[in-house]
Amino acid sequence: MENNERKNEELEPVNINEEFVKQCVRKTIRDLGGCGCEICYADACALALNALQPRYVTTRRGALLSEVDQTRVADSTGITVEVTKAVMKVMQSPRH
């Protein structure tokens, strides 16, 4: 029973769109020449995530990378569009 409890503790719900958005925002900020400070980064992530439908999966720590890779292929265009809009909006009105 202890082994089953341990396996269940390692499972966690994760919004895989969030993981991909975080990666995509960093790249898009660099590509567009935006500010890479933590405030601008966090604002762009929040804006993009609010525009996207969450996609939660239950995964074990360490297995998340494969989930992110699958989502990247399936939804990359929609996520990229929302991230680009979010980064451009933050660049026009940064909070710092």
C-alpha atoms as a PDB file:
ATOM      1  CA  MET A   1       0.000   0.000   0.000  1.00  0.00           C
ATOM      2  CA  GLU A   2       2.850   2.397   0.782  1.00  0.00           C
ATOM      3  CA  ASN A   3       4.162   2.090  -2.780  1.00  0.00           C
ATOM      4  CA  ASN A   4       0.725   2.963  -4.242  1.00  0.00           C
ATOM      5  CA  GLU A   5       0.434   5.995  -1.965  1.00  0.00           C
ATOM      6  CA  ARG A   6       3.851   7.202  -3.087  1.00  0.00           C
ATOM      7  CA  LYS A   7       2.919   6.858  -6.772  1.00  0.00           C
ATOM      8  CA  ASN A   8      -0.275   8.865  -6.193  1.00  0.00           C
ATOM      9  CA  GLU A   9       1.663  11.622  -4.435  1.00  0.00           C
ATOM     10  CA  GLU A  10       3.877  12.041  -7.467  1.00  0.00           C
ATOM     11  CA  LEU A  11       0.895  12.651  -9.755  1.00  0.00           C
ATOM     12  CA  GLU A  12      -0.134  16.218 -10.264  1.00  0.00           C
ATOM     13  CA  PRO A  13      -2.543  18.074 -12.535  1.00  0.00           C
ATOM     14  CA  VAL A  14      -0.690  20.329 -14.936  1.00  0.00           C
ATOM     15  CA  ASN A  15      -1.950  22.763 -17.544  1.00  0.00           C
ATOM     16  CA  ILE A  16       0.274  21.765 -20.439  1.00  0.00           C
ATOM     17  CA  ASN A  17      -0.649  24.927 -22.288  1.00  0.00           C
ATOM     18  CA  GLU A  18       0.994  26.841 -19.437  1.00  0.00           C
ATOM     19  CA  GLU A  19       4.251  24.970 -19.849  1.00  0.00           C
ATOM     20  CA  PHE A  20       4.334  25.578 -23.580  1.00  0.00           C
ATOM     21  CA  VAL A  21       3.299  29.238 -23.213  1.00  0.00           C
ATOM     22  CA  LYS A  22       6.192  29.842 -20.794  1.00  0.00           C
ATOM     23  CA  GLN A  23       8.667  28.459 -23.327  1.00  0.00           C
ATOM     24  CA  CYS A  24       7.081  30.284 -26.238  1.00  0.00           C
ATOM     25  CA  VAL A  25       6.944  33.662 -24.429  1.00  0.00           C
ATOM     26  CA  ARG A  26      10.698  33.620 -23.757  1.00  0.00           C
ATOM     27  CA  LYS A  27      11.432  32.874 -27.418  1.00  0.00           C
ATOM     28  CA  THR A  28       8.926  35.415 -28.735  1.00  0.00           C
ATOM     29  CA  ILE A  29      10.275  38.189 -26.490  1.00  0.00           C
ATOM     30  CA  ARG A  30      13.763  37.501 -27.861  1.00  0.00           C
ATOM     31  CA  ASP A  31      12.558  37.301 -31.467  1.00  0.00           C
ATOM     32  CA  LEU A  32      10.587  40.561 -31.244  1.00  0.00           C
ATOM     33  CA  GLY A  33      13.258  42.417 -29.258  1.00  0.00           C
ATOM     34  CA  GLY A  34      11.035  42.871 -26.232  1.00  0.00           C
ATOM     35  CA  CYS A  35      12.011  43.353 -22.623  1.00  0.00           C
ATOM     36  CA  GLY A  36      12.882  40.059 -20.970  1.00  0.00           C
ATOM     37  CA  CYS A  37      12.462  41.179 -17.369  1.00  0.00           C
ATOM     38  CA  GLU A  38      10.352  39.016 -15.069  1.00  0.00           C
ATOM     39  CA  ILE A  39       7.483  41.538 -14.995  1.00  0.00           C
ATOM     40  CA  CYS A  40       7.120  41.625 -18.787  1.00  0.00           C
ATOM     41  CA  TYR A  41       7.573  37.865 -19.002  1.00  0.00           C
ATOM     42  CA  ALA A  42       4.908  37.175 -16.367  1.00  0.00           C
ATOM     43  CA  ASP A  43       2.484  39.708 -17.879  1.00  0.00           C
ATOM     44  CA  ALA A  44       2.823  38.176 -21.348  1.00  0.00           C
ATOM     45  CA  CYS A  45       2.338  34.667 -19.939  1.00  0.00           C
ATOM     46  CA  ALA A  46      -0.794  35.753 -18.066  1.00  0.00           C
ATOM     47  CA  LEU A  47      -2.286  37.493 -21.101  1.00  0.00           C
ATOM     48  CA  ALA A  48      -1.657  34.521 -23.383  1.00  0.00           C
ATOM     49  CA  LEU A  49      -2.965  31.985 -20.878  1.00  0.00           C
ATOM     50  CA  ASN A  50      -6.146  33.988 -20.324  1.00  0.00           C
ATOM     51  CA  ALA A  51      -6.800  33.840 -24.076  1.00  0.00           C
ATOM     52  CA  LEU A  52      -6.260  30.073 -24.289  1.00  0.00           C
ATOM     53  CA  GLN A  53      -8.375  27.163 -23.136  1.00  0.00           C
ATOM     54  CA  PRO A  54      -6.585  25.304 -20.323  1.00  0.00           C
ATOM     55  CA  ARG A  55      -5.514  21.728 -21.099  1.00  0.00           C
ATOM     56  CA  TYR A  56      -4.963  19.824 -17.904  1.00  0.00           C
ATOM     57  CA  VAL A  57      -3.377  16.406 -17.751  1.00  0.00           C
ATOM     58  CA  THR A  58      -2.466  14.277 -14.793  1.00  0.00           C
ATOM     59  CA  THR A  59       1.185  13.480 -15.020  1.00  0.00           C
ATOM     60  CA  ARG A  60       4.129  12.392 -12.963  1.00  0.00           C
ATOM     61  CA  ARG A  61       7.006  14.768 -12.441  1.00  0.00           C
ATOM     62  CA  GLY A  62       9.507  14.200 -15.210  1.00  0.00           C
ATOM     63  CA  ALA A  63       6.896  12.973 -17.672  1.00  0.00           C
ATOM     64  CA  LEU A  64       5.732  16.511 -18.372  1.00  0.00           C
ATOM     65  CA  LEU A  65       8.213  17.090 -21.192  1.00  0.00           C
ATOM     66  CA  SER A  66       6.581  14.473 -23.410  1.00  0.00           C
ATOM     67  CA  GLU A  67       3.145  16.004 -22.766  1.00  0.00           C
ATOM     68  CA  VAL A  68       4.460  19.456 -23.707  1.00  0.00           C
ATOM     69  CA  ASP A  69       6.000  18.079 -26.904  1.00  0.00           C
ATOM     70  CA  GLN A  70       2.670  16.493 -27.915  1.00  0.00           C
ATOM     71  CA  THR A  71       0.799  19.743 -27.267  1.00  0.00           C
ATOM     72  CA  ARG A  72       3.400  21.747 -29.166  1.00  0.00           C
ATOM     73  CA  VAL A  73       2.649  19.756 -32.304  1.00  0.00           C
ATOM     74  CA  ALA A  74      -1.134  19.731 -31.848  1.00  0.00           C
ATOM     75  CA  ASP A  75      -1.772  23.365 -30.878  1.00  0.00           C
ATOM     76  CA  SER A  76       1.350  25.267 -31.798  1.00  0.00           C
ATOM     77  CA  THR A  77      -0.286  27.714 -34.206  1.00  0.00           C
ATOM     78  CA  GLY A  78      -3.020  28.863 -31.834  1.00  0.00           C
ATOM     79  CA  ILE A  79      -0.639  29.160 -28.916  1.00  0.00           C
ATOM     80  CA  THR A  80       1.947  31.028 -30.974  1.00  0.00           C
ATOM     81  CA  VAL A  81      -0.673  33.514 -32.165  1.00  0.00           C
ATOM     82  CA  GLU A  82      -1.878  34.247 -28.620  1.00  0.00           C
ATOM     83  CA  VAL A  83       1.670  34.503 -27.278  1.00  0.00           C
ATOM     84  CA  THR A  84       2.666  36.903 -30.053  1.00  0.00           C
ATOM     85  CA  LYS A  85      -0.364  39.112 -29.365  1.00  0.00           C
ATOM     86  CA  ALA A  86       0.394  39.063 -25.628  1.00  0.00           C
ATOM     87  CA  VAL A  87       4.071  39.942 -26.062  1.00  0.00           C
ATOM     88  CA  MET A  88       3.230  42.784 -28.454  1.00  0.00           C
ATOM     89  CA  LYS A  89       0.669  44.169 -26.012  1.00  0.00           C
ATOM     90  CA  VAL A  90       3.180  44.087 -23.148  1.00  0.00           C
ATOM     91  CA  MET A  91       5.800  45.740 -25.369  1.00  0.00           C
ATOM     92  CA  GLN A  92       3.352  48.586 -26.103  1.00  0.00           C
ATOM     93  CA  SER A  93       2.501  49.135 -22.413  1.00  0.00           C
ATOM     94  CA  PRO A  94       5.116  47.646 -20.065  1.00  0.00           C
ATOM     95  CA  ARG A  95       4.408  47.985 -16.345  1.00  0.00           C
ATOM     96  CA  HIS A  96       7.996  48.831 -15.333  1.00  0.00           C
END
